[in-house]
Amino acid sequence: MAEPQSLLTRVTGAVLSLLLVGGILVALVSWANGRAAARTAYDRLLLGAANDIAESISIQDGVPLTALPVSAFQLLAQAPDDRISYAVRGPGRELLTGQEDAPRPRLRSRGVEPVFFDADMQGEPARFVEVTRRFAERDFSGGVTVTVGQTMRARNAMAIDLSRSALLTVGAAGLALLLISVFVIRSAMRPLVAMAGDLSARDPHDLTPMEPAGVPAEVAVVLEAMNRFMARLDRQLEAMRSLISDTAHQLRTPVAAIRAQAELAVEEEDPERLRGATAKLLARTRSLGGLLDQMLSRALVIHRTEAVAREPVDLRDVALDVLDSADPELLSPGAEVALLIGEAPVTVLADAFSLQEAAKNLLANSLRHGKPPVRIGVEAADGEARLWVGDAGEGPPGDLMDRLGGRFERAAASGGQSAGLGLSIVKAVAGAFGGRVEMARGADGFRVALVLPLAEADA
C-alpha cells in the first residue's frame, strides 16, 4: 500500500500550482503591457520625427520643398540599432524625397491623423506613421504626406525589459509568499501533530476527552468528533466491563446454590424430599434464567442505543407489541392488563427494540410487585411522549423509590425473585434517547413512565 501523502505536501503543491498559474497569467499580462508601453513610447518618437519633417516643408514657385531637419533624425536615433525609412510625397503621391519603396497604409480613414501601421522594411518587421500637411496658397493647393518608419528591435527590447522587471518582482513576491505559506501551514499543522502525540502517548485504556484549548476552529471540529467517538467507545467498553463484572458477581451465588441443590437431590432417597429438592432446583434455575435474560437484555439495549440509527417509532405500536408478546399468567396468574392508548400517533425518534425491552420490564415489574389491575398506556403532552405502566398498589417506600433504577437495586417485595435490573434497563433507554423515568403515586395507584421528547412532526 502506498504511503499517504502529507497534508503539508498537498497544501504546498496546491500553493505552487496556484503560483504557477498566476505567474503565467502575470507573464502574459506583463508582456502585453510591456509591448503596449514600448509601442506608445516609440510611436511618439516616430510621430515627432514625422511632424518635424512636415513642419520643414515650404512652397517655392508652386513646388513643395523640404530641408530634412536634424531634430527628426535625432529623435529616431534614440533606437540606434534600428533602421529607418522615410518618404515625402506630393498631392499626386509623387515622391518628393526619401525612399521610393516606403510603404503606404492599406486602409486610411478620411480625416484621421496621424495613421500608424505595420509593414515590412527590407524583410524586417517595422512600424510606420503617416502625417499629412495641407497647403492652400495661390500657386499650390493640396496635401503633402510624410511617411516615417522604423524597425522594431528597440521597442521589442524595451518590452522584454519591462516584462522581465515585472516578472522578477512577481517572482520574488511569489517566493516570499511560498515561504510564508509553508510557515503558516506548518504552524496550522502543529495542533494536529500535538493531537497525534497525545494519542500515541496515551494508555490504551485511556479514553478521556482531549482538551480543545488553543486549536483552530477547523481542528476543533475534528477534535470534537474524536471526543464523541471516544465517548461512545468508552460507553461500549463500560457496558462490556459491567456485563463481565455483573456476571462474575451475580452468577457465583446462584450457580453455587444450584450445584448444592443438585448434589442434595442426587443423594436424597426419600421421594417427598427429592420432590421438594427438585422443585427448589427448578426455582433456582428459573431465577438464574431470568437474571441472565435481564443482564443480556441490558447489555444489548446499551449497545443498540449507540450502534443503531434512530427512526420514528409510534409508542402505541410498542405498547401493543409488548402486550401481545407478554404472558401475564406466568408472572401474575389471574392478573388483568388494560391497554389505554389514543387514536393519534405518539411518535418519538428512538430504536423500537430498545423501547420494547424497556416496556417489557416495566410491565414485568408491575405484574410481579404491583396489585392488579395493571394498566399500560401511551399519552402525549407538552412536547413529551409517555409510555407508562401502572397498578393499584402504593409502590415502593419513598427512600427506596429514589434508589430504584440502579443496577441490582431491589425492593423488599421482590422476595429475591428480581435482580433489580428491570428499571435499570428502562433508565438506560431513557437516557440514551434524551428522556427520563418518572415514578408517581396517584388516586388510582402507582405509575412508572418512560418519558421521551416527541418527534418534530408531532411536536
Protein backbone atom coordinates (compact mmCIF):
# COMPACT_ATOMS: atom_id res chain seq x y z
CA MET A 1 0.00 0.00 0.00
CA ALA A 2 1.37 3.41 -0.99
CA GLU A 3 2.35 5.74 1.83
CA PRO A 4 -0.24 8.53 2.22
CA GLN A 5 0.82 11.99 1.17
CA SER A 6 1.19 14.50 3.98
CA LEU A 7 -1.21 17.41 4.27
CA LEU A 8 1.73 19.83 4.21
CA THR A 9 2.87 18.41 0.85
CA ARG A 10 -0.65 18.62 -0.56
CA VAL A 11 -1.20 22.22 0.51
CA THR A 12 2.29 23.25 -0.63
CA GLY A 13 1.65 21.62 -4.01
CA ALA A 14 -1.66 23.44 -4.30
CA VAL A 15 0.01 26.77 -3.45
CA LEU A 16 2.77 26.08 -6.01
CA SER A 17 0.18 25.26 -8.66
CA LEU A 18 -1.70 28.46 -7.85
CA LEU A 19 1.51 30.50 -8.04
CA LEU A 20 2.47 28.81 -11.33
CA VAL A 21 -0.88 29.59 -12.94
CA GLY A 22 -0.76 33.10 -11.53
CA GLY A 23 2.82 33.51 -12.78
CA ILE A 24 1.82 32.51 -16.31
CA LEU A 25 -1.08 34.96 -16.27
CA VAL A 26 1.15 37.72 -14.88
CA ALA A 27 3.79 36.96 -17.54
CA LEU A 28 1.22 37.28 -20.31
CA VAL A 29 -0.18 40.49 -18.87
CA SER A 30 3.34 41.88 -18.30
CA TRP A 31 4.35 41.09 -21.87
CA ALA A 32 1.19 42.72 -23.23
CA ASN A 33 1.65 45.79 -21.04
CA GLY A 34 5.36 45.99 -21.91
CA ARG A 35 4.62 45.84 -25.62
CA ALA A 36 1.90 48.47 -25.26
CA ALA A 37 4.24 50.77 -23.29
CA ALA A 38 7.12 50.29 -25.76
CA ARG A 39 4.81 50.84 -28.74
CA THR A 40 3.42 54.05 -27.22
CA ALA A 41 6.90 55.39 -26.46
CA TYR A 42 8.41 54.70 -29.88
CA ASP A 43 5.24 55.72 -31.72
CA ARG A 44 5.66 59.12 -30.14
CA LEU A 45 9.25 59.27 -31.41
CA LEU A 46 8.05 58.34 -34.93
CA LEU A 47 5.29 60.92 -34.77
CA GLY A 48 7.67 63.59 -33.53
CA ALA A 49 10.11 62.90 -36.38
CA ALA A 50 7.30 62.92 -38.95
CA ASN A 51 5.93 66.21 -37.62
CA ASP A 52 9.42 67.80 -37.68
CA ILE A 53 9.79 66.78 -41.34
CA ALA A 54 6.29 68.04 -42.15
CA GLU A 55 6.99 71.40 -40.49
CA SER A 56 10.11 71.82 -42.61
CA ILE A 57 8.13 71.69 -45.89
CA SER A 58 7.75 75.02 -47.69
CA ILE A 59 6.28 76.12 -51.05
CA GLN A 60 8.55 77.89 -53.53
CA ASP A 61 7.32 78.81 -57.00
CA GLY A 62 4.38 76.44 -56.56
CA VAL A 63 6.58 73.48 -55.69
CA PRO A 64 6.81 71.93 -52.22
CA LEU A 65 10.35 71.70 -50.91
CA THR A 66 11.74 70.27 -47.70
CA ALA A 67 15.02 70.53 -45.90
CA LEU A 68 15.19 67.47 -43.65
CA PRO A 69 15.65 68.71 -40.08
CA VAL A 70 18.38 67.25 -37.91
CA SER A 71 15.97 67.09 -34.97
CA ALA A 72 13.90 64.44 -36.72
CA PHE A 73 16.85 62.09 -37.06
CA GLN A 74 17.96 62.84 -33.52
CA LEU A 75 14.61 61.53 -32.33
CA LEU A 76 14.96 58.40 -34.44
CA ALA A 77 18.48 57.93 -33.14
CA GLN A 78 17.02 57.02 -29.75
CA ALA A 79 16.93 53.49 -31.22
CA PRO A 80 20.47 53.20 -32.62
CA ASP A 81 20.13 49.55 -33.66
CA ASP A 82 17.02 50.13 -35.75
CA ARG A 83 16.92 51.08 -39.44
CA ILE A 84 14.70 53.92 -40.65
CA SER A 85 12.79 54.75 -43.77
CA TYR A 86 11.07 57.95 -44.85
CA ALA A 87 9.26 59.40 -47.83
CA VAL A 88 7.72 62.80 -48.65
CA ARG A 89 5.02 62.70 -51.34
CA GLY A 90 3.07 65.42 -53.08
CA PRO A 91 -0.68 65.66 -53.74
CA GLY A 92 -0.48 63.15 -56.57
CA ARG A 93 1.52 60.75 -54.42
CA GLU A 94 4.66 61.61 -56.43
CA LEU A 95 7.84 61.14 -54.44
CA LEU A 96 9.45 64.43 -53.45
CA THR A 97 12.25 62.93 -51.33
CA GLY A 98 13.06 59.72 -49.48
CA GLN A 99 12.77 56.04 -50.38
CA GLU A 100 10.51 55.05 -53.20
CA ASP A 101 9.71 51.71 -51.56
CA ALA A 102 8.44 53.29 -48.36
CA PRO A 103 5.01 51.62 -47.82
CA ARG A 104 1.67 53.32 -47.52
CA PRO A 105 -1.17 52.37 -45.18
CA ARG A 106 -3.56 49.86 -46.69
CA LEU A 107 -6.63 51.36 -45.03
CA ARG A 108 -6.96 55.01 -44.30
CA SER A 109 -9.98 56.64 -42.69
CA ARG A 110 -10.80 60.05 -44.01
CA GLY A 111 -9.94 62.80 -41.57
CA VAL A 112 -7.96 60.52 -39.22
CA GLU A 113 -4.48 61.87 -38.47
CA PRO A 114 -1.88 60.53 -37.89
CA VAL A 115 -2.05 56.98 -39.31
CA PHE A 116 0.11 54.25 -37.71
CA PHE A 117 0.58 50.92 -39.44
CA ASP A 118 2.88 47.89 -39.51
CA ALA A 119 4.73 46.78 -42.64
CA ASP A 120 7.99 45.16 -43.74
CA MET A 121 11.17 47.11 -44.24
CA GLN A 122 13.51 45.09 -46.44
CA GLY A 123 12.20 41.83 -45.00
CA GLU A 124 12.15 43.01 -41.36
CA PRO A 125 9.05 44.00 -39.36
CA ALA A 126 8.76 47.74 -38.95
CA ARG A 127 6.40 50.39 -37.64
CA PHE A 128 5.34 53.37 -39.77
CA VAL A 129 3.45 56.62 -39.32
CA GLU A 130 1.98 58.85 -41.98
CA VAL A 131 1.04 62.51 -41.43
CA THR A 132 -0.33 64.99 -43.96
CA ARG A 133 0.35 68.72 -44.10
CA ARG A 134 -2.19 70.63 -46.17
CA PHE A 135 -1.46 73.83 -48.08
CA ALA A 136 -3.92 76.35 -49.57
CA GLU A 137 -1.83 79.00 -51.34
CA ARG A 138 -2.20 80.92 -54.54
CA ASP A 139 0.24 78.82 -56.52
CA PHE A 140 -0.17 75.49 -54.61
CA SER A 141 -3.11 73.73 -53.02
CA GLY A 142 -3.22 70.19 -51.63
CA GLY A 143 -1.64 67.93 -49.10
CA VAL A 144 1.91 66.72 -48.70
CA THR A 145 2.25 63.38 -46.89
CA VAL A 146 5.22 62.39 -44.78
CA THR A 147 5.85 58.71 -44.04
CA VAL A 148 8.46 57.70 -41.45
CA GLY A 149 9.22 54.11 -40.47
CA GLN A 150 11.50 52.32 -38.06
CA THR A 151 12.29 48.67 -37.39
CA MET A 152 11.11 47.22 -34.08
CA ARG A 153 14.28 45.98 -32.39
CA ALA A 154 14.45 48.70 -29.75
CA ARG A 155 10.76 48.56 -28.89
CA ASN A 156 10.88 44.75 -28.61
CA ALA A 157 13.93 45.01 -26.36
CA MET A 158 12.09 47.58 -24.25
CA ALA A 159 9.01 45.32 -23.98
CA ILE A 160 11.17 42.38 -22.92
CA ASP A 161 12.99 44.51 -20.35
CA LEU A 162 9.73 45.80 -18.89
CA SER A 163 8.28 42.27 -18.76
CA ARG A 164 11.46 40.92 -17.18
CA SER A 165 11.37 43.56 -14.46
CA ALA A 166 7.74 42.81 -13.71
CA LEU A 167 8.37 39.07 -13.67
CA LEU A 168 11.36 39.41 -11.36
CA THR A 169 9.25 41.43 -8.94
CA VAL A 170 6.37 38.97 -9.15
CA GLY A 171 8.76 36.00 -8.81
CA ALA A 172 10.33 37.47 -5.69
CA ALA A 173 6.88 38.14 -4.23
CA GLY A 174 5.76 34.59 -5.16
CA LEU A 175 8.83 33.05 -3.50
CA ALA A 176 8.20 35.11 -0.36
CA LEU A 177 4.54 34.07 -0.44
CA LEU A 178 5.54 30.41 -0.79
CA LEU A 179 7.89 30.62 2.19
CA ILE A 180 5.23 32.39 4.24
CA SER A 181 2.67 29.77 3.17
CA VAL A 182 4.93 26.90 4.26
CA PHE A 183 5.48 28.61 7.62
CA VAL A 184 1.76 29.27 8.08
CA ILE A 185 0.85 25.72 7.05
CA ARG A 186 3.39 24.25 9.47
CA SER A 187 2.01 26.44 12.24
CA ALA A 188 -1.53 25.34 11.38
CA MET A 189 -0.44 21.68 11.45
CA ARG A 190 1.03 21.91 14.96
CA PRO A 191 -2.29 21.18 16.71
CA LEU A 192 -2.68 18.02 14.61
CA VAL A 193 0.89 16.97 15.47
CA ALA A 194 0.16 17.64 19.15
CA MET A 195 -3.05 15.59 18.91
CA ALA A 196 -1.16 12.72 17.29
CA GLY A 197 1.49 12.88 20.01
CA ASP A 198 -1.15 12.93 22.74
CA LEU A 199 -2.91 9.90 21.28
CA SER A 200 0.36 8.00 20.79
CA ALA A 201 1.44 8.62 24.37
CA ARG A 202 -1.89 7.58 25.89
CA ASP A 203 -2.56 4.37 27.71
CA PRO A 204 -4.67 2.02 25.52
CA HIS A 205 -7.47 2.19 28.10
CA ASP A 206 -7.42 5.99 28.42
CA LEU A 207 -10.49 7.31 26.59
CA THR A 208 -10.81 10.65 28.38
CA PRO A 209 -11.70 13.61 26.12
CA MET A 210 -8.90 15.66 24.60
CA GLU A 211 -8.76 19.34 25.51
CA PRO A 212 -9.67 21.66 22.57
CA ALA A 213 -7.85 24.68 24.03
CA GLY A 214 -5.65 26.59 21.60
CA VAL A 215 -6.69 24.76 18.42
CA PRO A 216 -8.20 26.39 15.32
CA ALA A 217 -11.92 26.06 14.67
CA GLU A 218 -11.36 23.55 11.83
CA VAL A 219 -9.21 21.33 14.05
CA ALA A 220 -11.65 21.78 16.94
CA VAL A 221 -14.36 20.16 14.79
CA VAL A 222 -12.13 17.11 14.24
CA LEU A 223 -11.24 17.05 17.92
CA GLU A 224 -14.88 17.24 18.97
CA ALA A 225 -15.80 14.39 16.62
CA MET A 226 -12.91 12.34 18.01
CA ASN A 227 -14.01 13.03 21.57
CA ARG A 228 -17.56 11.95 20.71
CA PHE A 229 -16.22 8.76 19.15
CA MET A 230 -14.06 8.03 22.20
CA ALA A 231 -17.06 8.70 24.45
CA ARG A 232 -19.15 6.18 22.51
CA LEU A 233 -16.30 3.69 22.61
CA ASP A 234 -15.90 4.27 26.35
CA ARG A 235 -19.59 3.65 26.90
CA GLN A 236 -19.38 0.42 24.91
CA LEU A 237 -16.34 -0.73 26.87
CA GLU A 238 -18.02 0.26 30.12
CA ALA A 239 -21.05 -1.81 29.15
CA MET A 240 -18.78 -4.78 28.44
CA ARG A 241 -16.95 -4.31 31.73
CA SER A 242 -20.24 -4.01 33.59
CA LEU A 243 -21.57 -7.16 31.94
CA ILE A 244 -18.42 -9.12 32.83
CA SER A 245 -18.36 -7.73 36.38
CA ASP A 246 -22.07 -8.31 36.91
CA THR A 247 -21.85 -11.82 35.51
CA ALA A 248 -18.96 -12.71 37.79
CA HIS A 249 -20.64 -11.13 40.80
CA GLN A 250 -24.25 -12.19 40.31
CA LEU A 251 -23.87 -15.68 38.91
CA ARG A 252 -21.49 -17.06 41.52
CA THR A 253 -24.12 -17.44 44.27
CA PRO A 254 -26.98 -18.84 42.08
CA VAL A 255 -24.66 -21.33 40.39
CA ALA A 256 -23.30 -22.47 43.74
CA ALA A 257 -26.84 -22.83 45.08
CA ILE A 258 -27.93 -24.83 42.04
CA ARG A 259 -24.93 -27.10 42.41
CA ALA A 260 -25.69 -27.63 46.07
CA GLN A 261 -29.36 -28.35 45.36
CA ALA A 262 -28.37 -30.79 42.61
CA GLU A 263 -25.97 -32.60 44.93
CA LEU A 264 -28.66 -32.86 47.61
CA ALA A 265 -31.14 -34.17 45.05
CA VAL A 266 -28.69 -36.81 43.88
CA GLU A 267 -28.07 -38.01 47.45
CA GLU A 268 -31.74 -37.82 48.57
CA GLU A 269 -33.57 -41.14 48.72
CA ASP A 270 -36.88 -40.02 50.25
CA PRO A 271 -39.30 -39.36 47.35
CA GLU A 272 -41.05 -36.47 49.12
CA ARG A 273 -37.81 -34.72 49.97
CA LEU A 274 -36.49 -35.47 46.49
CA ARG A 275 -39.59 -33.82 45.02
CA GLY A 276 -39.04 -30.77 47.24
CA ALA A 277 -35.37 -30.56 46.32
CA THR A 278 -36.25 -30.82 42.64
CA ALA A 279 -38.82 -28.02 42.98
CA LYS A 280 -36.23 -25.80 44.66
CA LEU A 281 -33.72 -26.69 41.94
CA LEU A 282 -36.28 -25.70 39.29
CA ALA A 283 -37.00 -22.40 41.05
CA ARG A 284 -33.29 -21.63 41.28
CA THR A 285 -32.85 -22.46 37.61
CA ARG A 286 -35.73 -20.19 36.59
CA SER A 287 -34.34 -17.40 38.74
CA LEU A 288 -30.94 -17.82 37.13
CA GLY A 289 -32.51 -17.80 33.66
CA GLY A 290 -34.38 -14.59 34.43
CA LEU A 291 -31.19 -12.99 35.75
CA LEU A 292 -29.28 -13.94 32.60
CA ASP A 293 -32.10 -12.63 30.40
CA GLN A 294 -32.10 -9.28 32.14
CA MET A 295 -28.31 -8.92 32.11
CA LEU A 296 -28.08 -9.75 28.42
CA SER A 297 -31.06 -7.53 27.67
CA ARG A 298 -29.43 -4.58 29.45
CA ALA A 299 -26.13 -5.09 27.59
CA LEU A 300 -27.95 -5.39 24.25
CA VAL A 301 -30.03 -2.28 24.87
CA ILE A 302 -26.97 -0.21 25.75
CA HIS A 303 -25.21 -1.47 22.64
CA ARG A 304 -28.13 -0.72 20.33
CA THR A 305 -28.61 2.81 21.63
CA GLU A 306 -25.08 3.58 20.42
CA ALA A 307 -24.93 1.47 17.26
CA VAL A 308 -28.44 1.61 15.73
CA ALA A 309 -29.73 4.69 13.91
CA ARG A 310 -32.79 6.38 15.39
CA GLU A 311 -36.04 6.23 13.48
CA PRO A 312 -39.62 7.38 14.07
CA VAL A 313 -41.44 4.95 16.36
CA ASP A 314 -45.10 5.14 17.41
CA LEU A 315 -45.28 4.34 21.13
CA ARG A 316 -48.77 2.90 20.60
CA ASP A 317 -47.25 0.15 18.43
CA VAL A 318 -44.67 -0.53 21.14
CA ALA A 319 -47.40 -0.92 23.77
CA LEU A 320 -49.42 -3.24 21.50
CA ASP A 321 -46.38 -5.41 20.69
CA VAL A 322 -45.41 -5.70 24.35
CA LEU A 323 -48.93 -6.64 25.37
CA ASP A 324 -49.18 -9.21 22.57
CA SER A 325 -45.82 -10.83 23.38
CA ALA A 326 -46.17 -10.79 27.18
CA ASP A 327 -47.80 -13.63 29.10
CA PRO A 328 -49.23 -12.10 32.30
CA GLU A 329 -50.38 -15.50 33.57
CA LEU A 330 -46.77 -16.64 34.03
CA LEU A 331 -45.80 -13.62 36.11
CA SER A 332 -49.05 -12.97 37.94
CA PRO A 333 -51.78 -15.60 37.49
CA GLY A 334 -55.23 -14.04 37.27
CA ALA A 335 -53.90 -10.50 36.78
CA GLU A 336 -55.75 -8.21 34.38
CA VAL A 337 -53.83 -5.94 31.98
CA ALA A 338 -55.68 -3.00 30.40
CA LEU A 339 -54.44 -1.12 27.34
CA LEU A 340 -55.01 2.67 27.30
CA ILE A 341 -53.90 4.31 24.05
CA GLY A 342 -55.48 7.05 21.97
CA GLU A 343 -56.20 7.32 18.28
CA ALA A 344 -53.50 9.90 17.45
CA PRO A 345 -49.92 8.71 16.82
CA VAL A 346 -47.39 9.38 19.56
CA THR A 347 -44.09 9.35 17.65
CA VAL A 348 -40.57 9.55 19.06
CA LEU A 349 -37.13 9.17 17.50
CA ALA A 350 -35.64 6.03 19.01
CA ASP A 351 -34.94 2.34 18.50
CA ALA A 352 -38.08 0.19 18.52
CA PHE A 353 -36.34 -2.87 20.02
CA SER A 354 -34.90 -0.86 22.93
CA LEU A 355 -38.31 0.69 23.65
CA GLN A 356 -39.92 -2.74 23.63
CA GLU A 357 -37.35 -4.08 26.10
CA ALA A 358 -37.97 -1.11 28.39
CA ALA A 359 -41.74 -1.54 28.18
CA LYS A 360 -41.45 -5.30 28.83
CA ASN A 361 -39.51 -4.65 32.02
CA LEU A 362 -41.98 -2.01 33.18
CA LEU A 363 -44.85 -4.44 32.64
CA ALA A 364 -42.98 -7.34 34.26
CA ASN A 365 -42.16 -5.24 37.36
CA SER A 366 -45.76 -4.14 37.72
CA LEU A 367 -47.07 -7.69 37.34
CA ARG A 368 -44.56 -9.09 39.86
CA HIS A 369 -44.68 -6.44 42.55
CA GLY A 370 -47.85 -4.43 41.94
CA LYS A 371 -51.51 -5.02 42.66
CA PRO A 372 -54.00 -5.71 39.87
CA PRO A 373 -55.48 -4.35 37.79
CA VAL A 374 -52.36 -3.43 35.76
CA ARG A 375 -52.57 -0.80 33.05
CA ILE A 376 -50.24 0.05 30.16
CA GLY A 377 -50.81 3.30 28.29
CA VAL A 378 -49.41 5.92 25.94
CA GLU A 379 -50.03 9.68 26.00
CA ALA A 380 -48.53 12.94 24.74
CA ALA A 381 -48.49 16.35 26.40
CA ASP A 382 -46.33 19.49 26.40
CA GLY A 383 -43.97 18.20 23.70
CA GLU A 384 -43.31 14.94 25.56
CA ALA A 385 -44.42 11.36 24.97
CA ARG A 386 -45.10 8.93 27.83
CA LEU A 387 -45.18 5.16 27.77
CA TRP A 388 -46.40 4.21 31.24
CA VAL A 389 -47.37 1.17 33.28
CA GLY A 390 -49.44 1.47 36.44
CA ASP A 391 -51.11 -0.73 39.03
CA ALA A 392 -53.42 -0.31 42.02
CA GLY A 393 -50.63 -0.62 44.61
CA GLU A 394 -48.88 2.08 46.58
CA GLY A 395 -45.44 1.44 45.09
CA PRO A 396 -42.13 1.17 46.93
CA PRO A 397 -41.30 3.28 50.01
CA GLY A 398 -40.08 6.81 49.40
CA ASP A 399 -36.46 6.15 50.35
CA LEU A 400 -36.28 3.16 48.01
CA MET A 401 -38.03 4.99 45.16
CA ASP A 402 -35.08 7.36 44.87
CA ARG A 403 -32.67 4.44 44.56
CA LEU A 404 -34.66 2.33 42.11
CA GLY A 405 -33.14 2.30 38.67
CA GLY A 406 -29.67 1.44 39.88
CA ARG A 407 -28.27 -1.94 38.98
CA PHE A 408 -29.33 -4.76 41.35
CA GLU A 409 -31.38 -2.39 43.48
CA ARG A 410 -34.39 -4.46 44.60
CA ALA A 411 -37.47 -3.81 46.63
CA ALA A 412 -38.19 -5.97 49.64
CA ALA A 413 -41.41 -7.08 47.99
CA SER A 414 -39.45 -8.87 45.31
CA GLY A 415 -38.64 -11.64 47.73
CA GLY A 416 -35.35 -12.25 45.97
CA GLN A 417 -37.09 -13.07 42.70
CA SER A 418 -35.83 -9.97 40.89
CA ALA A 419 -32.28 -8.99 40.11
CA GLY A 420 -33.16 -5.29 40.17
CA LEU A 421 -32.20 -4.79 36.51
CA GLY A 422 -35.66 -4.01 35.11
CA LEU A 423 -35.77 -0.31 35.96
CA SER A 424 -32.04 -0.06 35.21
CA ILE A 425 -32.82 -1.07 31.61
CA VAL A 426 -35.64 1.47 31.44
CA LYS A 427 -33.36 4.19 32.80
CA ALA A 428 -30.64 3.33 30.27
CA VAL A 429 -33.13 3.55 27.39
CA ALA A 430 -34.49 6.87 28.64
CA GLY A 431 -31.02 8.38 28.97
CA ALA A 432 -29.96 7.16 25.52
CA PHE A 433 -32.86 8.91 23.78
CA GLY A 434 -32.87 12.13 25.79
CA GLY A 435 -35.67 11.18 28.17
CA ARG A 436 -36.22 10.28 31.80
CA VAL A 437 -38.10 7.91 34.08
CA GLU A 438 -40.97 9.23 36.20
CA MET A 439 -42.47 7.47 39.24
CA ALA A 440 -45.60 8.84 40.85
CA ARG A 441 -48.40 7.81 43.23
CA GLY A 442 -51.94 8.83 42.39
CA ALA A 443 -55.51 8.21 43.35
CA ASP A 444 -55.61 5.13 41.14
CA GLY A 445 -52.29 3.66 42.36
CA PHE A 446 -48.61 3.73 41.44
CA ARG A 447 -47.33 4.51 37.95
CA VAL A 448 -43.90 4.37 36.26
CA ALA A 449 -43.47 6.21 32.93
CA LEU A 450 -40.79 6.34 30.28
CA VAL A 451 -40.79 10.00 29.13
CA LEU A 452 -39.24 10.90 25.75
CA PRO A 453 -39.26 14.02 23.54
CA LEU A 454 -41.89 13.98 20.82
CA ALA A 455 -40.67 13.84 17.24
CA GLU A 456 -40.81 17.24 15.49
CA ALA A 457 -43.65 16.24 13.20
CA ASP A 458 -45.84 15.66 16.23
CA ALA A 459 -44.42 18.35 18.47
